[in-house]
Amino acid sequence: HELVPQHELVHARAARPDLGPGIVATTILHHGTDDHRARYLPGTRAGTPGFALGYSEPEAGSDLGGVRTRAVRTGDAYVVTGEKRWTSDAHNATYLWTLCRTGERSDRSRSVSLLVIDLAAPGVEIRPIPTIDGHRLNEVFLDEVVVPVADRVGPEGGAWALMRDAL
């Protein structure tokens, strides 16, 4: 029911709904844990906390199977290192919905996972990319950011199917 007004606006070409909350909410509803639903859905419904999509990278662009941002599991956490680029609204968001490589790069889409990264965490740096129309996109640098395993959505290495379903 939440998506009906958005679909009607899109059909009338009156507005394009923000992709982040729709993708995030849909994925958490279908593939998140009870904890994810309790922590993220009420704020997403209310418009806070904000999510930015951390997919594109300098070397991968929109080839999401070529993602290089690395998440190495160490016990109950991942250590994430990499860069996301063209990240809309990261400077206003609370979380980065992040596609990370958790397996071998040669496995392409079978070795990527989705992590929710707190943009206030140590090791996160957001730099502006000004646009010609006066707005901005962002580069998000992740330097050994520690992310609890509990903040992974879906199975390790299973992000491709989740993203396909959400998009």
N, C-alpha and C. Protein backbone atom coordinates (compact mmCIF):
# COMPACT_ATOMS: atom_id res chain seq x y z
N HIS A 1 0.81 -1.20 0.00
CA HIS A 1 0.00 0.00 0.00
C HIS A 1 0.85 1.26 0.00
N GLU A 2 2.05 1.16 0.60
CA GLU A 2 2.92 2.34 0.64
C GLU A 2 3.39 2.75 -0.74
N LEU A 3 3.50 1.80 -1.65
CA LEU A 3 4.05 2.11 -2.97
C LEU A 3 3.00 2.58 -3.97
N VAL A 4 1.72 2.41 -3.68
CA VAL A 4 0.68 2.80 -4.63
C VAL A 4 0.76 4.29 -4.99
N PRO A 5 0.85 5.21 -4.02
CA PRO A 5 0.96 6.63 -4.41
C PRO A 5 2.20 6.91 -5.26
N GLN A 6 3.31 6.26 -4.95
CA GLN A 6 4.53 6.46 -5.75
C GLN A 6 4.31 5.99 -7.19
N HIS A 7 3.72 4.84 -7.35
CA HIS A 7 3.47 4.31 -8.69
C HIS A 7 2.54 5.24 -9.49
N GLU A 8 1.54 5.79 -8.82
CA GLU A 8 0.62 6.70 -9.49
C GLU A 8 1.33 7.98 -9.93
N LEU A 9 2.21 8.52 -9.08
CA LEU A 9 2.97 9.72 -9.43
C LEU A 9 3.89 9.44 -10.62
N VAL A 10 4.54 8.30 -10.61
CA VAL A 10 5.43 7.94 -11.71
C VAL A 10 4.62 7.78 -13.00
N HIS A 11 3.51 7.09 -12.91
CA HIS A 11 2.67 6.88 -14.10
C HIS A 11 2.23 8.21 -14.70
N ALA A 12 1.92 9.18 -13.85
CA ALA A 12 1.50 10.50 -14.32
C ALA A 12 2.69 11.39 -14.67
N ARG A 13 3.90 10.85 -14.50
CA ARG A 13 5.13 11.60 -14.72
C ARG A 13 5.17 12.88 -13.90
N ALA A 14 4.55 12.84 -12.73
CA ALA A 14 4.52 14.00 -11.85
C ALA A 14 5.76 14.06 -10.97
N ALA A 15 6.33 12.92 -10.66
CA ALA A 15 7.51 12.88 -9.80
C ALA A 15 8.14 11.50 -9.91
N ARG A 16 9.41 11.46 -9.63
CA ARG A 16 10.10 10.18 -9.56
C ARG A 16 10.44 9.94 -8.10
N PRO A 17 9.91 8.88 -7.50
CA PRO A 17 10.20 8.63 -6.09
C PRO A 17 11.68 8.32 -5.91
N ASP A 18 12.18 8.65 -4.74
CA ASP A 18 13.56 8.36 -4.40
C ASP A 18 13.78 6.85 -4.43
N LEU A 19 14.81 6.42 -5.15
CA LEU A 19 15.08 4.98 -5.28
C LEU A 19 15.52 4.35 -3.97
N GLY A 20 16.31 5.07 -3.19
CA GLY A 20 16.88 4.51 -1.96
C GLY A 20 15.86 3.89 -1.03
N PRO A 21 14.90 4.67 -0.53
CA PRO A 21 13.95 4.09 0.41
C PRO A 21 13.15 2.93 -0.18
N GLY A 22 12.78 3.02 -1.45
CA GLY A 22 12.03 1.93 -2.05
C GLY A 22 12.84 0.65 -2.12
N ILE A 23 14.08 0.77 -2.59
CA ILE A 23 14.95 -0.39 -2.69
C ILE A 23 15.28 -0.94 -1.31
N VAL A 24 15.63 -0.06 -0.40
CA VAL A 24 16.00 -0.49 0.96
C VAL A 24 14.81 -1.15 1.64
N ALA A 25 13.66 -0.47 1.65
CA ALA A 25 12.49 -1.01 2.34
C ALA A 25 12.04 -2.34 1.76
N THR A 26 11.99 -2.42 0.44
CA THR A 26 11.57 -3.66 -0.21
C THR A 26 12.50 -4.81 0.16
N THR A 27 13.79 -4.56 0.11
CA THR A 27 14.75 -5.61 0.41
C THR A 27 14.69 -6.03 1.87
N ILE A 28 14.59 -5.06 2.77
CA ILE A 28 14.51 -5.39 4.19
C ILE A 28 13.22 -6.14 4.50
N LEU A 29 12.12 -5.73 3.90
CA LEU A 29 10.86 -6.44 4.12
C LEU A 29 10.96 -7.90 3.73
N HIS A 30 11.59 -8.16 2.59
CA HIS A 30 11.62 -9.53 2.06
C HIS A 30 12.82 -10.35 2.52
N HIS A 31 13.95 -9.70 2.81
CA HIS A 31 15.17 -10.46 3.09
C HIS A 31 15.88 -10.08 4.37
N GLY A 32 15.39 -9.04 5.05
CA GLY A 32 16.04 -8.61 6.28
C GLY A 32 15.63 -9.46 7.47
N THR A 33 16.32 -9.24 8.56
CA THR A 33 15.99 -9.94 9.80
C THR A 33 14.91 -9.14 10.54
N ASP A 34 14.37 -9.72 11.60
CA ASP A 34 13.42 -8.98 12.44
C ASP A 34 14.09 -7.74 13.01
N ASP A 35 15.36 -7.86 13.38
CA ASP A 35 16.11 -6.71 13.90
C ASP A 35 16.22 -5.61 12.84
N HIS A 36 16.53 -5.97 11.59
CA HIS A 36 16.61 -4.97 10.51
C HIS A 36 15.27 -4.26 10.36
N ARG A 37 14.19 -5.03 10.34
CA ARG A 37 12.87 -4.42 10.16
C ARG A 37 12.55 -3.47 11.31
N ALA A 38 12.89 -3.86 12.53
CA ALA A 38 12.61 -3.00 13.69
C ALA A 38 13.48 -1.74 13.70
N ARG A 39 14.74 -1.86 13.27
CA ARG A 39 15.66 -0.71 13.30
C ARG A 39 15.47 0.25 12.14
N TYR A 40 15.23 -0.26 10.93
CA TYR A 40 15.28 0.60 9.75
C TYR A 40 13.94 0.97 9.15
N LEU A 41 12.94 0.12 9.24
CA LEU A 41 11.69 0.41 8.53
C LEU A 41 10.89 1.57 9.13
N PRO A 42 10.78 1.70 10.45
CA PRO A 42 10.03 2.85 10.96
C PRO A 42 10.64 4.19 10.51
N GLY A 43 11.94 4.31 10.56
CA GLY A 43 12.59 5.55 10.11
C GLY A 43 12.47 5.75 8.61
N THR A 44 12.56 4.67 7.85
CA THR A 44 12.43 4.77 6.39
C THR A 44 11.02 5.24 6.04
N ARG A 45 10.03 4.72 6.73
CA ARG A 45 8.64 5.12 6.49
C ARG A 45 8.46 6.60 6.82
N ALA A 46 9.13 7.07 7.86
CA ALA A 46 9.00 8.47 8.29
C ALA A 46 9.92 9.41 7.52
N GLY A 47 10.80 8.86 6.71
CA GLY A 47 11.73 9.69 5.95
C GLY A 47 13.08 9.85 6.61
N THR A 48 13.25 9.26 7.78
CA THR A 48 14.55 9.25 8.46
C THR A 48 14.73 7.87 9.05
N PRO A 49 15.84 7.30 9.22
CA PRO A 49 17.12 7.81 8.76
C PRO A 49 17.24 7.66 7.25
N GLY A 50 18.06 8.47 6.65
CA GLY A 50 18.23 8.42 5.20
C GLY A 50 19.22 7.35 4.78
N PHE A 51 18.95 6.76 3.64
CA PHE A 51 19.86 5.79 3.04
C PHE A 51 20.37 6.34 1.72
N ALA A 52 21.66 6.24 1.50
CA ALA A 52 22.25 6.51 0.20
C ALA A 52 22.65 5.15 -0.38
N LEU A 53 22.57 5.02 -1.70
CA LEU A 53 22.93 3.76 -2.35
C LEU A 53 24.41 3.77 -2.68
N GLY A 54 25.15 2.83 -2.14
CA GLY A 54 26.59 2.71 -2.39
C GLY A 54 26.86 1.56 -3.34
N TYR A 55 26.64 1.80 -4.63
CA TYR A 55 26.84 0.78 -5.65
C TYR A 55 28.02 1.14 -6.56
N SER A 56 27.94 2.25 -7.27
CA SER A 56 28.93 2.60 -8.29
C SER A 56 30.30 2.88 -7.71
N GLU A 57 31.32 2.54 -8.51
CA GLU A 57 32.71 2.72 -8.10
C GLU A 57 33.52 3.27 -9.27
N PRO A 58 34.68 3.88 -8.96
CA PRO A 58 35.50 4.44 -10.04
C PRO A 58 35.89 3.42 -11.11
N GLU A 59 36.25 2.22 -10.72
CA GLU A 59 36.71 1.21 -11.67
C GLU A 59 35.59 0.30 -12.17
N ALA A 60 34.43 0.35 -11.52
CA ALA A 60 33.34 -0.55 -11.90
C ALA A 60 32.18 0.19 -12.55
N GLY A 61 32.03 1.47 -12.26
CA GLY A 61 30.90 2.23 -12.81
C GLY A 61 29.59 1.55 -12.48
N SER A 62 28.79 1.28 -13.49
CA SER A 62 27.52 0.61 -13.25
C SER A 62 27.63 -0.91 -13.44
N ASP A 63 28.84 -1.43 -13.65
CA ASP A 63 29.06 -2.87 -13.75
C ASP A 63 29.17 -3.42 -12.33
N LEU A 64 28.03 -3.69 -11.72
CA LEU A 64 28.02 -4.06 -10.31
C LEU A 64 28.73 -5.39 -10.04
N GLY A 65 28.88 -6.23 -11.04
CA GLY A 65 29.64 -7.46 -10.87
C GLY A 65 31.13 -7.20 -10.73
N GLY A 66 31.57 -5.98 -11.09
CA GLY A 66 32.98 -5.61 -11.01
C GLY A 66 33.34 -4.84 -9.75
N VAL A 67 32.46 -4.83 -8.76
CA VAL A 67 32.69 -4.09 -7.52
C VAL A 67 34.00 -4.51 -6.87
N ARG A 68 34.77 -3.51 -6.41
CA ARG A 68 36.06 -3.77 -5.77
C ARG A 68 36.06 -3.47 -4.27
N THR A 69 35.09 -2.72 -3.79
CA THR A 69 35.04 -2.44 -2.35
C THR A 69 35.01 -3.77 -1.63
N ARG A 70 35.95 -3.94 -0.71
CA ARG A 70 36.19 -5.23 -0.08
C ARG A 70 35.67 -5.24 1.34
N ALA A 71 34.97 -6.29 1.72
CA ALA A 71 34.52 -6.52 3.10
C ALA A 71 35.10 -7.85 3.55
N VAL A 72 36.05 -7.79 4.47
CA VAL A 72 36.72 -8.99 4.98
C VAL A 72 36.15 -9.31 6.36
N ARG A 73 35.64 -10.52 6.50
CA ARG A 73 35.05 -10.90 7.78
C ARG A 73 36.13 -11.28 8.77
N THR A 74 36.00 -10.68 9.96
CA THR A 74 36.89 -11.02 11.08
C THR A 74 36.00 -11.21 12.30
N GLY A 75 35.65 -12.45 12.58
CA GLY A 75 34.77 -12.74 13.71
C GLY A 75 33.35 -12.26 13.46
N ASP A 76 32.86 -11.38 14.33
CA ASP A 76 31.49 -10.88 14.24
C ASP A 76 31.39 -9.55 13.49
N ALA A 77 32.41 -9.22 12.71
CA ALA A 77 32.39 -7.96 11.97
C ALA A 77 33.08 -8.12 10.62
N TYR A 78 32.79 -7.17 9.74
CA TYR A 78 33.50 -7.04 8.47
C TYR A 78 34.36 -5.79 8.58
N VAL A 79 35.51 -5.82 7.94
CA VAL A 79 36.34 -4.63 7.79
C VAL A 79 36.24 -4.25 6.32
N VAL A 80 35.69 -3.05 6.07
CA VAL A 80 35.36 -2.62 4.72
C VAL A 80 36.32 -1.54 4.26
N THR A 81 36.89 -1.75 3.06
CA THR A 81 37.80 -0.79 2.45
C THR A 81 37.43 -0.65 0.98
N GLY A 82 37.33 0.60 0.53
CA GLY A 82 37.02 0.85 -0.88
C GLY A 82 36.47 2.24 -1.08
N GLU A 83 35.90 2.45 -2.26
CA GLU A 83 35.37 3.76 -2.63
C GLU A 83 34.10 3.60 -3.43
N LYS A 84 33.12 4.43 -3.12
CA LYS A 84 31.89 4.51 -3.89
C LYS A 84 31.86 5.90 -4.52
N ARG A 85 31.33 5.98 -5.72
CA ARG A 85 31.32 7.27 -6.42
C ARG A 85 29.94 7.51 -7.02
N TRP A 86 29.63 8.78 -7.24
CA TRP A 86 28.34 9.23 -7.78
C TRP A 86 27.22 8.89 -6.81
N THR A 87 27.53 8.96 -5.53
CA THR A 87 26.58 8.57 -4.48
C THR A 87 25.69 9.76 -4.14
N SER A 88 24.47 9.70 -4.61
CA SER A 88 23.51 10.78 -4.35
C SER A 88 23.17 10.87 -2.88
N ASP A 89 23.17 12.06 -2.36
CA ASP A 89 22.67 12.39 -1.02
C ASP A 89 23.42 11.75 0.14
N ALA A 90 24.62 11.23 -0.08
CA ALA A 90 25.37 10.64 1.02
C ALA A 90 25.65 11.67 2.12
N HIS A 91 25.81 12.92 1.74
CA HIS A 91 26.10 13.98 2.71
C HIS A 91 24.91 14.27 3.62
N ASN A 92 23.72 13.83 3.26
CA ASN A 92 22.53 14.01 4.10
C ASN A 92 22.05 12.70 4.72
N ALA A 93 22.61 11.60 4.29
CA ALA A 93 22.13 10.27 4.73
C ALA A 93 22.75 9.86 6.05
N THR A 94 22.12 8.90 6.68
CA THR A 94 22.62 8.30 7.91
C THR A 94 23.37 7.01 7.61
N TYR A 95 22.89 6.28 6.60
CA TYR A 95 23.45 4.97 6.26
C TYR A 95 23.79 4.87 4.78
N LEU A 96 24.77 4.03 4.49
CA LEU A 96 25.12 3.69 3.11
C LEU A 96 24.70 2.24 2.88
N TRP A 97 23.83 2.02 1.91
CA TRP A 97 23.36 0.68 1.50
C TRP A 97 24.42 0.19 0.53
N THR A 98 25.34 -0.63 1.02
CA THR A 98 26.62 -0.82 0.35
C THR A 98 26.78 -2.20 -0.26
N LEU A 99 27.13 -2.21 -1.52
CA LEU A 99 27.47 -3.45 -2.22
C LEU A 99 28.97 -3.66 -2.05
N CYS A 100 29.34 -4.80 -1.46
CA CYS A 100 30.75 -5.10 -1.16
C CYS A 100 31.14 -6.47 -1.69
N ARG A 101 32.41 -6.60 -2.00
CA ARG A 101 32.97 -7.87 -2.42
C ARG A 101 33.36 -8.66 -1.17
N THR A 102 32.73 -9.82 -0.96
CA THR A 102 33.06 -10.67 0.18
C THR A 102 33.69 -11.99 -0.24
N GLY A 103 33.88 -12.16 -1.54
CA GLY A 103 34.51 -13.36 -2.06
C GLY A 103 35.53 -12.97 -3.11
N GLU A 104 35.87 -13.92 -3.94
CA GLU A 104 36.86 -13.68 -4.99
C GLU A 104 36.27 -12.83 -6.11
N ARG A 105 37.06 -11.93 -6.63
CA ARG A 105 36.60 -11.04 -7.70
C ARG A 105 36.22 -11.83 -8.96
N SER A 106 36.88 -12.95 -9.18
CA SER A 106 36.58 -13.77 -10.36
C SER A 106 35.18 -14.38 -10.29
N ASP A 107 34.60 -14.43 -9.09
CA ASP A 107 33.24 -14.96 -8.92
C ASP A 107 32.17 -13.94 -9.29
N ARG A 108 32.60 -12.71 -9.59
CA ARG A 108 31.72 -11.62 -10.00
C ARG A 108 30.48 -11.50 -9.11
N SER A 109 29.31 -11.76 -9.64
CA SER A 109 28.07 -11.51 -8.91
C SER A 109 27.81 -12.51 -7.78
N ARG A 110 28.50 -13.63 -7.77
CA ARG A 110 28.28 -14.63 -6.72
C ARG A 110 29.05 -14.33 -5.44
N SER A 111 29.83 -13.26 -5.43
CA SER A 111 30.65 -12.98 -4.25
C SER A 111 30.45 -11.55 -3.74
N VAL A 112 29.24 -11.02 -3.91
CA VAL A 112 28.95 -9.68 -3.39
C VAL A 112 27.86 -9.76 -2.33
N SER A 113 28.00 -8.89 -1.33
CA SER A 113 27.08 -8.87 -0.20
C SER A 113 26.60 -7.44 0.03
N LEU A 114 25.44 -7.31 0.68
CA LEU A 114 24.90 -6.00 1.04
C LEU A 114 25.15 -5.73 2.52
N LEU A 115 25.77 -4.59 2.80
CA LEU A 115 26.00 -4.17 4.17
C LEU A 115 25.39 -2.80 4.39
N VAL A 116 24.85 -2.59 5.58
CA VAL A 116 24.38 -1.27 5.99
C VAL A 116 25.52 -0.65 6.79
N ILE A 117 26.08 0.44 6.25
CA ILE A 117 27.22 1.10 6.90
C ILE A 117 26.76 2.44 7.46
N ASP A 118 27.04 2.65 8.74
CA ASP A 118 26.75 3.92 9.39
C ASP A 118 27.73 4.95 8.86
N LEU A 119 27.22 6.02 8.25
CA LEU A 119 28.10 7.01 7.63
C LEU A 119 28.84 7.87 8.66
N ALA A 120 28.51 7.73 9.94
CA ALA A 120 29.24 8.42 11.00
C ALA A 120 30.35 7.54 11.59
N ALA A 121 30.51 6.33 11.07
CA ALA A 121 31.51 5.40 11.62
C ALA A 121 32.93 5.89 11.32
N PRO A 122 33.86 5.56 12.21
CA PRO A 122 35.27 5.89 11.94
C PRO A 122 35.72 5.24 10.64
N GLY A 123 36.47 5.99 9.83
CA GLY A 123 36.98 5.48 8.57
C GLY A 123 36.14 5.86 7.36
N VAL A 124 35.00 6.54 7.58
CA VAL A 124 34.15 6.98 6.47
C VAL A 124 34.46 8.45 6.18
N GLU A 125 34.72 8.75 4.92
CA GLU A 125 34.93 10.13 4.49
C GLU A 125 34.06 10.39 3.27
N ILE A 126 33.32 11.49 3.30
CA ILE A 126 32.44 11.87 2.20
C ILE A 126 32.97 13.16 1.58
N ARG A 127 33.22 13.13 0.27
CA ARG A 127 33.70 14.30 -0.45
C ARG A 127 32.70 14.67 -1.54
N PRO A 128 32.45 15.97 -1.72
CA PRO A 128 31.47 16.39 -2.73
C PRO A 128 32.00 16.28 -4.16
N ILE A 129 31.09 16.00 -5.07
CA ILE A 129 31.32 16.11 -6.51
C ILE A 129 30.26 17.09 -7.01
N PRO A 130 30.64 18.35 -7.25
CA PRO A 130 29.65 19.34 -7.70
C PRO A 130 29.11 18.97 -9.08
N THR A 131 27.83 19.27 -9.29
CA THR A 131 27.22 19.04 -10.59
C THR A 131 26.99 20.38 -11.29
N ILE A 132 26.79 20.34 -12.57
CA ILE A 132 26.65 21.55 -13.37
C ILE A 132 25.41 22.37 -12.99
N ASP A 133 24.41 21.70 -12.41
CA ASP A 133 23.17 22.42 -12.05
C ASP A 133 23.18 22.93 -10.61
N GLY A 134 24.35 22.89 -9.95
CA GLY A 134 24.46 23.43 -8.60
C GLY A 134 24.17 22.44 -7.49
N HIS A 135 23.83 21.22 -7.85
CA HIS A 135 23.63 20.20 -6.83
C HIS A 135 24.95 19.48 -6.59
N ARG A 136 24.88 18.35 -5.89
CA ARG A 136 26.11 17.61 -5.69
C ARG A 136 25.85 16.12 -5.61
N LEU A 137 26.84 15.38 -6.05
CA LEU A 137 26.94 13.94 -5.82
C LEU A 137 28.10 13.79 -4.85
N ASN A 138 28.50 12.55 -4.56
CA ASN A 138 29.55 12.35 -3.58
C ASN A 138 30.46 11.19 -3.92
N GLU A 139 31.68 11.29 -3.41
CA GLU A 139 32.59 10.16 -3.32
C GLU A 139 32.55 9.75 -1.86
N VAL A 140 32.46 8.46 -1.59
CA VAL A 140 32.48 7.96 -0.23
C VAL A 140 33.66 7.02 -0.11
N PHE A 141 34.60 7.40 0.76
CA PHE A 141 35.79 6.59 0.98
C PHE A 141 35.61 5.78 2.26
N LEU A 142 35.90 4.50 2.18
CA LEU A 142 35.76 3.58 3.30
C LEU A 142 37.15 3.02 3.63
N ASP A 143 37.69 3.42 4.76
CA ASP A 143 39.04 3.03 5.14
C ASP A 143 39.00 2.17 6.40
N GLU A 144 38.94 0.86 6.20
CA GLU A 144 38.88 -0.11 7.30
C GLU A 144 37.73 0.18 8.25
N VAL A 145 36.56 0.37 7.68
CA VAL A 145 35.35 0.63 8.46
C VAL A 145 34.85 -0.70 9.02
N VAL A 146 34.62 -0.73 10.32
CA VAL A 146 34.15 -1.95 10.98
C VAL A 146 32.62 -1.96 10.95
N VAL A 147 32.07 -3.05 10.39
CA VAL A 147 30.62 -3.19 10.25
C VAL A 147 30.22 -4.52 10.86
N PRO A 148 29.32 -4.52 11.84
CA PRO A 148 28.90 -5.79 12.44
C PRO A 148 28.27 -6.72 11.39
N VAL A 149 28.52 -8.00 11.54
CA VAL A 149 27.92 -8.99 10.64
C VAL A 149 26.40 -8.87 10.69
N ALA A 150 25.85 -8.46 11.83
CA ALA A 150 24.40 -8.29 11.98
C ALA A 150 23.86 -7.22 11.03
N ASP A 151 24.73 -6.37 10.48
CA ASP A 151 24.30 -5.33 9.53
C ASP A 151 24.43 -5.77 8.09
N ARG A 152 24.66 -7.05 7.86
CA ARG A 152 24.59 -7.62 6.50
C ARG A 152 23.13 -7.98 6.24
N VAL A 153 22.63 -7.64 5.07
CA VAL A 153 21.26 -7.99 4.70
C VAL A 153 21.33 -9.16 3.73
N GLY A 154 20.67 -10.24 4.08
CA GLY A 154 20.70 -11.45 3.26
C GLY A 154 21.96 -12.24 3.52
N PRO A 155 22.13 -13.32 2.78
CA PRO A 155 23.29 -14.18 3.00
C PRO A 155 24.57 -13.57 2.43
N GLU A 156 25.69 -13.97 2.99
CA GLU A 156 26.97 -13.55 2.43
C GLU A 156 27.08 -14.08 1.01
N GLY A 157 27.46 -13.20 0.10
CA GLY A 157 27.56 -13.57 -1.30
C GLY A 157 26.23 -13.60 -2.03
N GLY A 158 25.15 -13.19 -1.36
CA GLY A 158 23.83 -13.29 -1.96
C GLY A 158 23.20 -11.98 -2.40
N ALA A 159 23.99 -10.91 -2.49
CA ALA A 159 23.41 -9.59 -2.80
C ALA A 159 22.83 -9.50 -4.21
N TRP A 160 23.39 -10.22 -5.15
CA TRP A 160 22.94 -10.11 -6.54
C TRP A 160 21.45 -10.42 -6.66
N ALA A 161 21.01 -11.50 -6.05
CA ALA A 161 19.59 -11.88 -6.11
C ALA A 161 18.73 -10.85 -5.40
N LEU A 162 19.20 -10.31 -4.29
CA LEU A 162 18.43 -9.30 -3.55
C LEU A 162 18.26 -8.03 -4.38
N MET A 163 19.34 -7.61 -5.02
CA MET A 163 19.29 -6.40 -5.83
C MET A 163 18.39 -6.60 -7.05
N ARG A 164 18.49 -7.75 -7.66
CA ARG A 164 17.64 -8.05 -8.82
C ARG A 164 16.17 -7.97 -8.42
N ASP A 165 15.83 -8.54 -7.28
CA ASP A 165 14.43 -8.52 -6.82
C ASP A 165 13.97 -7.08 -6.53
N ALA A 166 14.82 -6.29 -5.89
CA ALA A 166 14.45 -4.93 -5.51
C ALA A 166 14.34 -4.01 -6.71
N LEU A 167 15.22 -4.18 -7.69
CA LEU A 167 15.21 -3.29 -8.85
C LEU A 167 14.16 -3.73 -9.85
